[in-house]
Amino acid sequence: MPHALWQRAAVRHLKKADPVLERIIERVGPNRFGARAAGSHLDALVRSIVGQQLSTSAATTIHGRLLVLVGEANPLPEDWLALNDPDMRAAGLSRQKIAYVRDLARRVKDGELPMDRLHLMSDDEVIEALTAVKGIGVWTAQMFLMFRLGRPDILPVLDLGIRNAFRSAYKLRKDPTAKRMQALAKSWAPYRSVASWYLWQSLELPLVDNDRG
C-alpha cells in the first residue's frame, strides 16, 4: 500500500479502535509519522550511539565533527574503523561510545550485521540483530524500526515519553507497566507506531479542562 494511503488508513483505524486516542488525534492533527530516508542505515545507527544521553544539539555537533574527521558524507564501516581514538575523543565522543561505534562498524564490515537485508527481516529479527551490537539496546532498535525502516506496528514501552503519555491520556495514577501499555494498545495493531507518534505529540499539547480531571 502506498505510504499516504496506509497513513490515512492508520488514522481511521486508530480513531475507530480507541476513543482516547481519537481525541488525541483530533487535537494533534495530521499524521506526520514517517521514516528518515537520508543517509545510510549505518549512519543512522552511529547517530543513535552518539546521541545517547545527550541533547539533540550536542549530538548533532559531535556527529558533524566525526563526519569532518572521516571526510565522507556517508561513511563506510572501513572509514569509521580507520579513525583513531584520540581524534574521536577530541570530537567529543566518550571512550565507551568509541568502542560502540567500532563494534558496530566491525560487525557491518564482517557481515555479522547485514545492513542490506534489514528491510527484509521481521521486527523481532531486526531487534535481535541490532542488540547484538555493543551499546545498542531494545529502545534504540525500536527507534530504528520506526524512524529508519518505517515499520508501522512498534510499541516502544521502554520509552519514558510514551509512559508519560499513557499515564496522562488514560488518567492513570502511576506509571504503567509494559504489560499494561501493551494491553491498552492491543486494539491499535497493526498501527502502533503511528499511535505512539501521536502519544509523543500529545505531550506538547496544552492542558484543557478534561485533562485536569
N, C-alpha and C. Protein backbone atom coordinates (compact mmCIF):
# COMPACT_ATOMS: atom_id res chain seq x y z
N MET A 1 0.84 -1.20 0.00
CA MET A 1 0.00 0.00 0.00
C MET A 1 0.88 1.25 0.00
N PRO A 2 0.61 2.23 -0.90
CA PRO A 2 1.39 3.47 -0.90
C PRO A 2 1.39 4.14 0.47
N HIS A 3 2.49 4.86 0.74
CA HIS A 3 2.69 5.47 2.05
C HIS A 3 1.50 6.32 2.49
N ALA A 4 1.06 7.23 1.63
CA ALA A 4 -0.03 8.15 2.01
C ALA A 4 -1.32 7.39 2.32
N LEU A 5 -1.56 6.31 1.58
CA LEU A 5 -2.80 5.56 1.79
C LEU A 5 -2.80 4.82 3.12
N TRP A 6 -1.66 4.18 3.45
CA TRP A 6 -1.67 3.45 4.73
C TRP A 6 -1.63 4.42 5.91
N GLN A 7 -1.07 5.60 5.71
CA GLN A 7 -1.09 6.61 6.76
C GLN A 7 -2.53 7.01 7.08
N ARG A 8 -3.32 7.22 6.05
CA ARG A 8 -4.73 7.58 6.26
C ARG A 8 -5.51 6.40 6.86
N ALA A 9 -5.20 5.20 6.37
CA ALA A 9 -5.85 4.00 6.91
C ALA A 9 -5.52 3.84 8.38
N ALA A 10 -4.29 4.16 8.77
CA ALA A 10 -3.89 4.06 10.17
C ALA A 10 -4.72 4.99 11.05
N VAL A 11 -4.89 6.21 10.61
CA VAL A 11 -5.66 7.17 11.40
C VAL A 11 -7.11 6.72 11.54
N ARG A 12 -7.70 6.27 10.46
CA ARG A 12 -9.08 5.79 10.52
C ARG A 12 -9.21 4.63 11.51
N HIS A 13 -8.28 3.70 11.43
CA HIS A 13 -8.31 2.54 12.31
C HIS A 13 -8.16 2.95 13.77
N LEU A 14 -7.21 3.81 14.06
CA LEU A 14 -6.93 4.20 15.44
C LEU A 14 -8.08 4.98 16.05
N LYS A 15 -8.69 5.86 15.28
CA LYS A 15 -9.82 6.64 15.79
C LYS A 15 -11.01 5.73 16.09
N LYS A 16 -11.19 4.72 15.28
CA LYS A 16 -12.29 3.78 15.50
C LYS A 16 -11.99 2.84 16.66
N ALA A 17 -10.72 2.50 16.85
CA ALA A 17 -10.34 1.49 17.83
C ALA A 17 -10.32 2.01 19.26
N ASP A 18 -10.07 3.32 19.45
CA ASP A 18 -9.82 3.82 20.80
C ASP A 18 -10.30 5.27 20.92
N PRO A 19 -11.36 5.51 21.70
CA PRO A 19 -11.88 6.88 21.83
C PRO A 19 -10.88 7.84 22.48
N VAL A 20 -10.02 7.32 23.37
CA VAL A 20 -9.00 8.17 23.98
C VAL A 20 -8.02 8.64 22.92
N LEU A 21 -7.57 7.73 22.10
CA LEU A 21 -6.64 8.08 21.03
C LEU A 21 -7.33 8.95 19.98
N GLU A 22 -8.60 8.73 19.76
CA GLU A 22 -9.34 9.55 18.81
C GLU A 22 -9.29 11.02 19.22
N ARG A 23 -9.48 11.30 20.52
CA ARG A 23 -9.43 12.69 20.99
C ARG A 23 -8.04 13.29 20.79
N ILE A 24 -7.01 12.47 21.04
CA ILE A 24 -5.64 12.94 20.85
C ILE A 24 -5.39 13.26 19.38
N ILE A 25 -5.82 12.37 18.50
CA ILE A 25 -5.63 12.58 17.06
C ILE A 25 -6.32 13.86 16.59
N GLU A 26 -7.53 14.09 17.08
CA GLU A 26 -8.27 15.30 16.69
C GLU A 26 -7.53 16.56 17.12
N ARG A 27 -6.89 16.50 18.29
CA ARG A 27 -6.19 17.67 18.80
C ARG A 27 -4.82 17.86 18.13
N VAL A 28 -4.12 16.77 17.87
CA VAL A 28 -2.78 16.86 17.28
C VAL A 28 -2.85 17.26 15.81
N GLY A 29 -3.77 16.64 15.08
CA GLY A 29 -3.92 16.97 13.67
C GLY A 29 -3.34 15.91 12.75
N PRO A 30 -2.91 16.30 11.53
CA PRO A 30 -2.50 15.34 10.51
C PRO A 30 -1.37 14.41 10.98
N ASN A 31 -1.41 13.21 10.45
CA ASN A 31 -0.42 12.19 10.74
C ASN A 31 0.86 12.46 9.95
N ARG A 32 1.95 12.74 10.67
CA ARG A 32 3.23 13.03 10.01
C ARG A 32 4.29 11.99 10.37
N PHE A 33 3.85 10.84 10.87
CA PHE A 33 4.81 9.78 11.15
C PHE A 33 5.47 9.32 9.86
N GLY A 34 6.78 9.14 9.89
CA GLY A 34 7.47 8.67 8.70
C GLY A 34 8.92 8.34 8.97
N ALA A 35 9.52 7.62 8.06
CA ALA A 35 10.91 7.21 8.20
C ALA A 35 11.85 8.27 7.64
N ARG A 36 13.06 8.34 8.20
CA ARG A 36 14.10 9.25 7.71
C ARG A 36 14.90 8.52 6.62
N ALA A 37 14.76 8.99 5.40
CA ALA A 37 15.37 8.29 4.27
C ALA A 37 16.81 8.73 4.00
N ALA A 38 17.19 9.92 4.47
CA ALA A 38 18.51 10.45 4.16
C ALA A 38 19.61 9.62 4.83
N GLY A 39 20.76 9.54 4.17
CA GLY A 39 21.89 8.82 4.74
C GLY A 39 21.72 7.31 4.66
N SER A 40 22.60 6.61 5.36
CA SER A 40 22.60 5.15 5.33
C SER A 40 22.12 4.59 6.66
N HIS A 41 21.81 3.29 6.67
CA HIS A 41 21.45 2.62 7.91
C HIS A 41 22.60 2.72 8.92
N LEU A 42 23.82 2.55 8.42
CA LEU A 42 24.99 2.63 9.31
C LEU A 42 25.08 4.00 9.97
N ASP A 43 24.91 5.04 9.18
CA ASP A 43 24.99 6.39 9.74
C ASP A 43 23.87 6.63 10.75
N ALA A 44 22.68 6.10 10.48
CA ALA A 44 21.57 6.25 11.43
C ALA A 44 21.90 5.61 12.77
N LEU A 45 22.56 4.46 12.73
CA LEU A 45 22.93 3.78 13.98
C LEU A 45 24.07 4.50 14.69
N VAL A 46 25.02 5.01 13.92
CA VAL A 46 26.10 5.80 14.54
C VAL A 46 25.50 7.02 15.23
N ARG A 47 24.56 7.68 14.56
CA ARG A 47 23.89 8.83 15.16
C ARG A 47 23.21 8.44 16.47
N SER A 48 22.59 7.28 16.49
CA SER A 48 21.91 6.82 17.70
C SER A 48 22.89 6.61 18.84
N ILE A 49 24.04 6.02 18.54
CA ILE A 49 25.06 5.80 19.56
C ILE A 49 25.61 7.14 20.06
N VAL A 50 25.94 8.02 19.13
CA VAL A 50 26.47 9.34 19.50
C VAL A 50 25.50 10.09 20.39
N GLY A 51 24.20 9.96 20.09
CA GLY A 51 23.19 10.74 20.80
C GLY A 51 22.77 10.23 22.15
N GLN A 52 23.26 9.08 22.56
CA GLN A 52 22.85 8.52 23.84
C GLN A 52 23.19 9.47 24.99
N GLN A 53 22.17 9.80 25.79
CA GLN A 53 22.31 10.66 26.98
C GLN A 53 22.84 12.06 26.67
N LEU A 54 22.60 12.51 25.45
CA LEU A 54 22.99 13.86 25.06
C LEU A 54 21.79 14.61 24.51
N SER A 55 21.85 15.93 24.57
CA SER A 55 20.83 16.74 23.91
C SER A 55 20.97 16.59 22.41
N THR A 56 19.90 16.91 21.70
CA THR A 56 19.93 16.81 20.24
C THR A 56 21.01 17.71 19.65
N SER A 57 21.14 18.91 20.18
CA SER A 57 22.13 19.86 19.62
C SER A 57 23.55 19.37 19.86
N ALA A 58 23.82 18.84 21.05
CA ALA A 58 25.16 18.33 21.35
C ALA A 58 25.49 17.13 20.48
N ALA A 59 24.53 16.24 20.31
CA ALA A 59 24.75 15.06 19.48
C ALA A 59 25.00 15.44 18.03
N THR A 60 24.25 16.42 17.53
CA THR A 60 24.43 16.87 16.16
C THR A 60 25.81 17.47 15.94
N THR A 61 26.27 18.23 16.93
CA THR A 61 27.60 18.84 16.84
C THR A 61 28.69 17.78 16.79
N ILE A 62 28.61 16.80 17.69
CA ILE A 62 29.63 15.74 17.74
C ILE A 62 29.61 14.90 16.48
N HIS A 63 28.42 14.55 16.02
CA HIS A 63 28.32 13.76 14.79
C HIS A 63 28.91 14.54 13.61
N GLY A 64 28.66 15.83 13.55
CA GLY A 64 29.22 16.64 12.48
C GLY A 64 30.74 16.67 12.52
N ARG A 65 31.31 16.76 13.72
CA ARG A 65 32.78 16.73 13.84
C ARG A 65 33.34 15.40 13.37
N LEU A 66 32.64 14.32 13.70
CA LEU A 66 33.10 12.99 13.28
C LEU A 66 33.08 12.86 11.76
N LEU A 67 32.05 13.39 11.12
CA LEU A 67 31.98 13.34 9.66
C LEU A 67 33.12 14.13 9.03
N VAL A 68 33.50 15.24 9.65
CA VAL A 68 34.64 16.02 9.15
C VAL A 68 35.91 15.18 9.25
N LEU A 69 36.07 14.46 10.37
CA LEU A 69 37.23 13.59 10.54
C LEU A 69 37.26 12.50 9.47
N VAL A 70 36.12 11.89 9.23
CA VAL A 70 36.04 10.82 8.25
C VAL A 70 36.28 11.35 6.85
N GLY A 71 35.76 12.56 6.59
CA GLY A 71 35.91 13.14 5.27
C GLY A 71 34.93 12.62 4.25
N GLU A 72 33.85 11.99 4.75
CA GLU A 72 32.82 11.43 3.88
C GLU A 72 31.45 11.80 4.43
N ALA A 73 30.52 12.10 3.55
CA ALA A 73 29.16 12.41 3.99
C ALA A 73 28.40 11.15 4.38
N ASN A 74 28.80 10.03 3.80
CA ASN A 74 28.11 8.77 4.03
C ASN A 74 29.16 7.68 4.27
N PRO A 75 29.79 7.68 5.45
CA PRO A 75 30.94 6.80 5.69
C PRO A 75 30.61 5.31 5.60
N LEU A 76 31.59 4.55 5.15
CA LEU A 76 31.52 3.09 5.14
C LEU A 76 32.10 2.56 6.46
N PRO A 77 31.88 1.29 6.78
CA PRO A 77 32.46 0.75 8.01
C PRO A 77 33.97 0.96 8.09
N GLU A 78 34.65 0.79 6.96
CA GLU A 78 36.09 0.95 6.93
C GLU A 78 36.51 2.37 7.31
N ASP A 79 35.70 3.34 6.95
CA ASP A 79 36.00 4.74 7.28
C ASP A 79 35.98 4.96 8.78
N TRP A 80 34.96 4.38 9.45
CA TRP A 80 34.86 4.53 10.90
C TRP A 80 36.02 3.79 11.59
N LEU A 81 36.35 2.62 11.10
CA LEU A 81 37.42 1.83 11.72
C LEU A 81 38.79 2.48 11.52
N ALA A 82 38.92 3.31 10.50
CA ALA A 82 40.21 3.96 10.22
C ALA A 82 40.48 5.14 11.15
N LEU A 83 39.46 5.65 11.81
CA LEU A 83 39.67 6.77 12.73
C LEU A 83 40.44 6.32 13.96
N ASN A 84 41.26 7.21 14.51
CA ASN A 84 41.97 6.84 15.74
C ASN A 84 41.26 7.39 16.96
N ASP A 85 41.48 6.77 18.08
CA ASP A 85 40.78 7.12 19.32
C ASP A 85 40.99 8.57 19.75
N PRO A 86 42.24 9.08 19.75
CA PRO A 86 42.43 10.47 20.20
C PRO A 86 41.62 11.47 19.39
N ASP A 87 41.54 11.28 18.07
CA ASP A 87 40.76 12.21 17.25
C ASP A 87 39.27 12.10 17.57
N MET A 88 38.78 10.89 17.79
CA MET A 88 37.37 10.71 18.13
C MET A 88 37.06 11.30 19.49
N ARG A 89 38.00 11.15 20.42
CA ARG A 89 37.82 11.76 21.74
C ARG A 89 37.79 13.28 21.62
N ALA A 90 38.67 13.83 20.80
CA ALA A 90 38.73 15.28 20.61
C ALA A 90 37.44 15.81 19.98
N ALA A 91 36.77 14.97 19.21
CA ALA A 91 35.50 15.36 18.58
C ALA A 91 34.35 15.35 19.59
N GLY A 92 34.59 14.76 20.77
CA GLY A 92 33.58 14.77 21.82
C GLY A 92 32.98 13.42 22.15
N LEU A 93 33.51 12.35 21.55
CA LEU A 93 32.96 11.02 21.78
C LEU A 93 33.66 10.38 22.99
N SER A 94 32.88 9.79 23.88
CA SER A 94 33.46 9.13 25.05
C SER A 94 34.17 7.84 24.63
N ARG A 95 35.04 7.34 25.51
CA ARG A 95 35.74 6.08 25.21
C ARG A 95 34.74 4.94 25.00
N GLN A 96 33.69 4.94 25.82
CA GLN A 96 32.69 3.88 25.70
C GLN A 96 31.99 3.93 24.35
N LYS A 97 31.61 5.13 23.92
CA LYS A 97 30.93 5.26 22.64
C LYS A 97 31.86 4.96 21.47
N ILE A 98 33.15 5.27 21.63
CA ILE A 98 34.12 4.89 20.59
C ILE A 98 34.12 3.38 20.42
N ALA A 99 34.09 2.66 21.53
CA ALA A 99 34.06 1.20 21.47
C ALA A 99 32.78 0.71 20.80
N TYR A 100 31.68 1.39 21.08
CA TYR A 100 30.40 1.01 20.47
C TYR A 100 30.43 1.21 18.95
N VAL A 101 30.93 2.38 18.53
CA VAL A 101 30.99 2.67 17.09
C VAL A 101 31.91 1.67 16.38
N ARG A 102 33.03 1.34 17.02
CA ARG A 102 33.95 0.37 16.42
C ARG A 102 33.31 -1.01 16.32
N ASP A 103 32.58 -1.42 17.35
CA ASP A 103 31.93 -2.72 17.32
C ASP A 103 30.88 -2.78 16.22
N LEU A 104 30.12 -1.69 16.10
CA LEU A 104 29.11 -1.61 15.04
C LEU A 104 29.77 -1.70 13.67
N ALA A 105 30.79 -0.89 13.44
CA ALA A 105 31.46 -0.87 12.14
C ALA A 105 32.09 -2.22 11.82
N ARG A 106 32.69 -2.85 12.81
CA ARG A 106 33.32 -4.16 12.58
C ARG A 106 32.29 -5.20 12.19
N ARG A 107 31.15 -5.20 12.90
CA ARG A 107 30.11 -6.19 12.61
C ARG A 107 29.52 -5.99 11.21
N VAL A 108 29.37 -4.73 10.82
CA VAL A 108 28.86 -4.46 9.47
C VAL A 108 29.89 -4.88 8.43
N LYS A 109 31.14 -4.54 8.65
CA LYS A 109 32.22 -4.89 7.71
C LYS A 109 32.34 -6.40 7.55
N ASP A 110 32.23 -7.14 8.67
CA ASP A 110 32.40 -8.60 8.63
C ASP A 110 31.14 -9.34 8.19
N GLY A 111 30.05 -8.60 7.99
CA GLY A 111 28.82 -9.24 7.55
C GLY A 111 27.98 -9.83 8.68
N GLU A 112 28.39 -9.60 9.93
CA GLU A 112 27.61 -10.10 11.06
C GLU A 112 26.28 -9.35 11.18
N LEU A 113 26.30 -8.08 10.80
CA LEU A 113 25.09 -7.27 10.79
C LEU A 113 24.78 -6.92 9.34
N PRO A 114 23.86 -7.65 8.71
CA PRO A 114 23.59 -7.48 7.27
C PRO A 114 22.72 -6.27 6.97
N MET A 115 23.33 -5.11 6.85
CA MET A 115 22.59 -3.87 6.67
C MET A 115 21.69 -3.90 5.43
N ASP A 116 22.15 -4.57 4.39
CA ASP A 116 21.37 -4.58 3.14
C ASP A 116 20.17 -5.52 3.20
N ARG A 117 20.04 -6.26 4.30
CA ARG A 117 18.92 -7.19 4.44
C ARG A 117 17.97 -6.82 5.57
N LEU A 118 18.26 -5.78 6.30
CA LEU A 118 17.44 -5.43 7.46
C LEU A 118 15.99 -5.19 7.06
N HIS A 119 15.79 -4.57 5.91
CA HIS A 119 14.42 -4.25 5.48
C HIS A 119 13.62 -5.50 5.14
N LEU A 120 14.30 -6.62 4.95
CA LEU A 120 13.62 -7.87 4.63
C LEU A 120 13.33 -8.71 5.88
N MET A 121 13.87 -8.30 7.02
CA MET A 121 13.75 -9.07 8.25
C MET A 121 12.52 -8.65 9.04
N SER A 122 12.02 -9.57 9.87
CA SER A 122 10.89 -9.24 10.74
C SER A 122 11.34 -8.27 11.82
N ASP A 123 10.38 -7.63 12.49
CA ASP A 123 10.71 -6.70 13.57
C ASP A 123 11.57 -7.38 14.62
N ASP A 124 11.19 -8.57 15.05
CA ASP A 124 11.94 -9.28 16.08
C ASP A 124 13.34 -9.64 15.61
N GLU A 125 13.46 -10.01 14.34
CA GLU A 125 14.79 -10.34 13.80
C GLU A 125 15.69 -9.12 13.76
N VAL A 126 15.13 -7.96 13.41
CA VAL A 126 15.92 -6.73 13.39
C VAL A 126 16.39 -6.39 14.81
N ILE A 127 15.49 -6.50 15.77
CA ILE A 127 15.86 -6.20 17.16
C ILE A 127 16.96 -7.14 17.63
N GLU A 128 16.84 -8.42 17.32
CA GLU A 128 17.87 -9.39 17.71
C GLU A 128 19.21 -9.06 17.08
N ALA A 129 19.19 -8.70 15.80
CA ALA A 129 20.44 -8.38 15.09
C ALA A 129 21.10 -7.12 15.63
N LEU A 130 20.30 -6.09 15.87
CA LEU A 130 20.86 -4.82 16.32
C LEU A 130 21.35 -4.87 17.76
N THR A 131 20.62 -5.55 18.62
CA THR A 131 21.02 -5.59 20.04
C THR A 131 22.23 -6.47 20.29
N ALA A 132 22.69 -7.18 19.27
CA ALA A 132 23.96 -7.92 19.39
C ALA A 132 25.15 -6.97 19.37
N VAL A 133 24.92 -5.73 18.90
CA VAL A 133 25.97 -4.71 18.85
C VAL A 133 26.11 -4.06 20.22
N LYS A 134 27.34 -3.87 20.65
CA LYS A 134 27.58 -3.20 21.94
C LYS A 134 26.99 -1.79 21.90
N GLY A 135 26.25 -1.45 22.93
CA GLY A 135 25.71 -0.09 23.04
C GLY A 135 24.36 0.11 22.37
N ILE A 136 23.85 -0.92 21.69
CA ILE A 136 22.52 -0.81 21.08
C ILE A 136 21.56 -1.72 21.83
N GLY A 137 20.58 -1.11 22.47
CA GLY A 137 19.58 -1.85 23.23
C GLY A 137 18.26 -1.93 22.49
N VAL A 138 17.28 -2.46 23.17
CA VAL A 138 15.96 -2.66 22.56
C VAL A 138 15.35 -1.32 22.14
N TRP A 139 15.46 -0.30 23.01
CA TRP A 139 14.87 1.00 22.68
C TRP A 139 15.46 1.56 21.38
N THR A 140 16.80 1.53 21.27
CA THR A 140 17.45 2.04 20.05
C THR A 140 17.01 1.24 18.83
N ALA A 141 16.90 -0.08 18.99
CA ALA A 141 16.46 -0.92 17.88
C ALA A 141 15.04 -0.58 17.47
N GLN A 142 14.17 -0.31 18.45
CA GLN A 142 12.79 0.05 18.12
C GLN A 142 12.72 1.41 17.44
N MET A 143 13.54 2.37 17.86
CA MET A 143 13.57 3.66 17.18
C MET A 143 14.04 3.49 15.73
N PHE A 144 14.99 2.60 15.52
CA PHE A 144 15.47 2.32 14.16
C PHE A 144 14.34 1.72 13.33
N LEU A 145 13.62 0.79 13.90
CA LEU A 145 12.49 0.18 13.19
C LEU A 145 11.45 1.23 12.80
N MET A 146 11.16 2.13 13.72
CA MET A 146 10.12 3.12 13.47
C MET A 146 10.57 4.20 12.51
N PHE A 147 11.70 4.83 12.82
CA PHE A 147 12.06 6.06 12.13
C PHE A 147 13.12 5.90 11.04
N ARG A 148 13.65 4.67 10.89
CA ARG A 148 14.54 4.40 9.76
C ARG A 148 13.87 3.46 8.77
N LEU A 149 13.30 2.36 9.28
CA LEU A 149 12.65 1.40 8.40
C LEU A 149 11.17 1.69 8.19
N GLY A 150 10.60 2.59 9.01
CA GLY A 150 9.20 2.96 8.84
C GLY A 150 8.22 1.85 9.18
N ARG A 151 8.60 0.97 10.10
CA ARG A 151 7.71 -0.12 10.46
C ARG A 151 6.48 0.43 11.20
N PRO A 152 5.28 0.01 10.83
CA PRO A 152 4.06 0.65 11.33
C PRO A 152 3.54 0.15 12.67
N ASP A 153 4.09 -0.96 13.18
CA ASP A 153 3.44 -1.58 14.34
C ASP A 153 4.40 -1.81 15.51
N ILE A 154 5.13 -0.77 15.90
CA ILE A 154 6.07 -0.85 17.02
C ILE A 154 5.50 -0.07 18.20
N LEU A 155 5.54 -0.67 19.38
CA LEU A 155 5.13 0.00 20.61
C LEU A 155 6.33 0.06 21.55
N PRO A 156 6.99 1.22 21.65
CA PRO A 156 8.22 1.33 22.44
C PRO A 156 7.94 1.52 23.94
N VAL A 157 7.61 0.43 24.61
CA VAL A 157 7.17 0.52 26.01
C VAL A 157 8.29 0.95 26.95
N LEU A 158 9.55 0.93 26.50
CA LEU A 158 10.66 1.38 27.35
C LEU A 158 10.85 2.89 27.30
N ASP A 159 10.15 3.55 26.41
CA ASP A 159 10.35 4.98 26.23
C ASP A 159 9.64 5.78 27.32
N LEU A 160 10.39 6.68 27.97
CA LEU A 160 9.83 7.46 29.07
C LEU A 160 8.69 8.36 28.59
N GLY A 161 8.84 8.96 27.42
CA GLY A 161 7.79 9.82 26.89
C GLY A 161 6.50 9.06 26.65
N ILE A 162 6.61 7.85 26.12
CA ILE A 162 5.43 7.04 25.88
C ILE A 162 4.75 6.68 27.21
N ARG A 163 5.53 6.34 28.20
CA ARG A 163 4.95 6.02 29.52
C ARG A 163 4.21 7.23 30.08
N ASN A 164 4.84 8.41 29.98
CA ASN A 164 4.20 9.62 30.47
C ASN A 164 2.92 9.93 29.71
N ALA A 165 2.95 9.71 28.40
CA ALA A 165 1.76 9.98 27.58
C ALA A 165 0.63 9.02 27.92
N PHE A 166 0.94 7.76 28.13
CA PHE A 166 -0.07 6.79 28.55
C PHE A 166 -0.70 7.23 29.88
N ARG A 167 0.14 7.59 30.81
CA ARG A 167 -0.36 7.97 32.14
C ARG A 167 -1.29 9.16 32.06
N SER A 168 -0.92 10.15 31.26
CA SER A 168 -1.73 11.35 31.11
C SER A 168 -3.02 11.06 30.34
N ALA A 169 -2.90 10.36 29.22
CA ALA A 169 -4.06 10.13 28.35
C ALA A 169 -5.12 9.27 29.01
N TYR A 170 -4.67 8.28 29.77
CA TYR A 170 -5.62 7.32 30.36
C TYR A 170 -5.87 7.58 31.84
N LYS A 171 -5.39 8.75 32.33
CA LYS A 171 -5.65 9.16 33.71
C LYS A 171 -5.22 8.09 34.72
N LEU A 172 -4.03 7.56 34.52
CA LEU A 172 -3.50 6.52 35.39
C LEU A 172 -2.87 7.15 36.63
N ARG A 173 -2.98 6.48 37.74
CA ARG A 173 -2.47 7.04 39.00
C ARG A 173 -0.96 6.89 39.13
N LYS A 174 -0.38 5.96 38.40
CA LYS A 174 1.07 5.78 38.43
C LYS A 174 1.54 5.34 37.05
N ASP A 175 2.86 5.33 36.87
CA ASP A 175 3.40 4.94 35.57
C ASP A 175 2.95 3.52 35.22
N PRO A 176 2.48 3.31 34.00
CA PRO A 176 2.02 1.99 33.61
C PRO A 176 3.17 1.03 33.37
N THR A 177 2.93 -0.23 33.63
CA THR A 177 3.91 -1.27 33.30
C THR A 177 3.86 -1.54 31.80
N ALA A 178 4.88 -2.24 31.31
CA ALA A 178 4.88 -2.61 29.90
C ALA A 178 3.65 -3.46 29.57
N LYS A 179 3.29 -4.35 30.48
CA LYS A 179 2.13 -5.21 30.26
C LYS A 179 0.86 -4.39 30.15
N ARG A 180 0.71 -3.37 31.00
CA ARG A 180 -0.48 -2.52 30.96
C ARG A 180 -0.54 -1.73 29.66
N MET A 181 0.59 -1.21 29.23
CA MET A 181 0.61 -0.46 27.98
C MET A 181 0.27 -1.35 26.79
N GLN A 182 0.82 -2.55 26.80
CA GLN A 182 0.53 -3.48 25.70
C GLN A 182 -0.95 -3.84 25.66
N ALA A 183 -1.56 -3.97 26.84
CA ALA A 183 -2.98 -4.29 26.89
C ALA A 183 -3.82 -3.12 26.36
N LEU A 184 -3.49 -1.90 26.79
CA LEU A 184 -4.22 -0.72 26.34
C LEU A 184 -4.06 -0.51 24.83
N ALA A 185 -2.91 -0.90 24.31
CA ALA A 185 -2.61 -0.66 22.89
C ALA A 185 -2.98 -1.82 21.98
N LYS A 186 -3.55 -2.87 22.54
CA LYS A 186 -3.82 -4.07 21.73
C LYS A 186 -4.68 -3.75 20.50
N SER A 187 -5.67 -2.89 20.68
CA SER A 187 -6.59 -2.59 19.57
C SER A 187 -5.96 -1.69 18.52
N TRP A 188 -4.79 -1.11 18.82
CA TRP A 188 -4.14 -0.22 17.86
C TRP A 188 -3.48 -0.98 16.71
N ALA A 189 -3.11 -2.24 16.94
CA ALA A 189 -2.44 -3.02 15.91
C ALA A 189 -3.30 -3.06 14.65
N PRO A 190 -2.70 -2.97 13.48
CA PRO A 190 -1.26 -3.02 13.17
C PRO A 190 -0.62 -1.65 12.96
N TYR A 191 -1.04 -0.66 13.73
CA TYR A 191 -0.54 0.71 13.52
C TYR A 191 -0.05 1.32 14.84
N ARG A 192 0.62 0.54 15.66
CA ARG A 192 1.04 1.06 16.97
C ARG A 192 2.17 2.09 16.86
N SER A 193 2.93 2.07 15.78
CA SER A 193 3.95 3.12 15.58
C SER A 193 3.28 4.48 15.41
N VAL A 194 2.24 4.51 14.62
CA VAL A 194 1.51 5.76 14.38
C VAL A 194 0.87 6.24 15.68
N ALA A 195 0.27 5.32 16.42
CA ALA A 195 -0.33 5.68 17.71
C ALA A 195 0.73 6.23 18.65
N SER A 196 1.90 5.62 18.66
CA SER A 196 2.99 6.09 19.52
C SER A 196 3.42 7.49 19.11
N TRP A 197 3.49 7.74 17.81
CA TRP A 197 3.83 9.09 17.34
C TRP A 197 2.82 10.11 17.87
N TYR A 198 1.54 9.76 17.81
CA TYR A 198 0.51 10.67 18.34
C TYR A 198 0.66 10.86 19.84
N LEU A 199 1.01 9.81 20.55
CA LEU A 199 1.21 9.95 22.01
C LEU A 199 2.36 10.91 22.30
N TRP A 200 3.46 10.79 21.56
CA TRP A 200 4.57 11.73 21.75
C TRP A 200 4.11 13.16 21.50
N GLN A 201 3.35 13.35 20.42
CA GLN A 201 2.88 14.70 20.10
C GLN A 201 1.93 15.23 21.17
N SER A 202 1.18 14.34 21.80
CA SER A 202 0.22 14.77 22.82
C SER A 202 0.89 15.43 24.01
N LEU A 203 2.14 15.09 24.25
CA LEU A 203 2.87 15.68 25.38
C LEU A 203 3.12 17.17 25.18
N GLU A 204 3.01 17.63 23.94
CA GLU A 204 3.23 19.05 23.62
C GLU A 204 1.93 19.85 23.61
N LEU A 205 0.81 19.17 23.78
CA LEU A 205 -0.47 19.86 23.74
C LEU A 205 -0.72 20.63 25.04
N PRO A 206 -1.38 21.78 24.97
CA PRO A 206 -1.75 22.50 26.20
C PRO A 206 -2.84 21.72 26.94
N LEU A 207 -2.83 21.86 28.25
CA LEU A 207 -3.86 21.20 29.05
C LEU A 207 -5.22 21.85 28.80
N VAL A 208 -6.24 21.01 28.79
CA VAL A 208 -7.61 21.50 28.74
C VAL A 208 -8.32 21.02 29.99
N ASP A 209 -9.53 21.50 30.22
CA ASP A 209 -10.22 21.17 31.46
C ASP A 209 -10.33 19.66 31.68
N ASN A 210 -10.61 18.91 30.61
CA ASN A 210 -10.74 17.47 30.75
C ASN A 210 -9.44 16.82 31.17
N ASP A 211 -8.32 17.42 30.75
CA ASP A 211 -7.01 16.87 31.12
C ASP A 211 -6.74 17.02 32.61
N ARG A 212 -7.33 18.05 33.20
CA ARG A 212 -7.06 18.32 34.62
C ARG A 212 -7.81 17.36 35.53
N GLY A 213 -8.77 16.65 34.93
CA GLY A 213 -9.50 15.63 35.66
C GLY A 213 -10.24 16.17 36.85
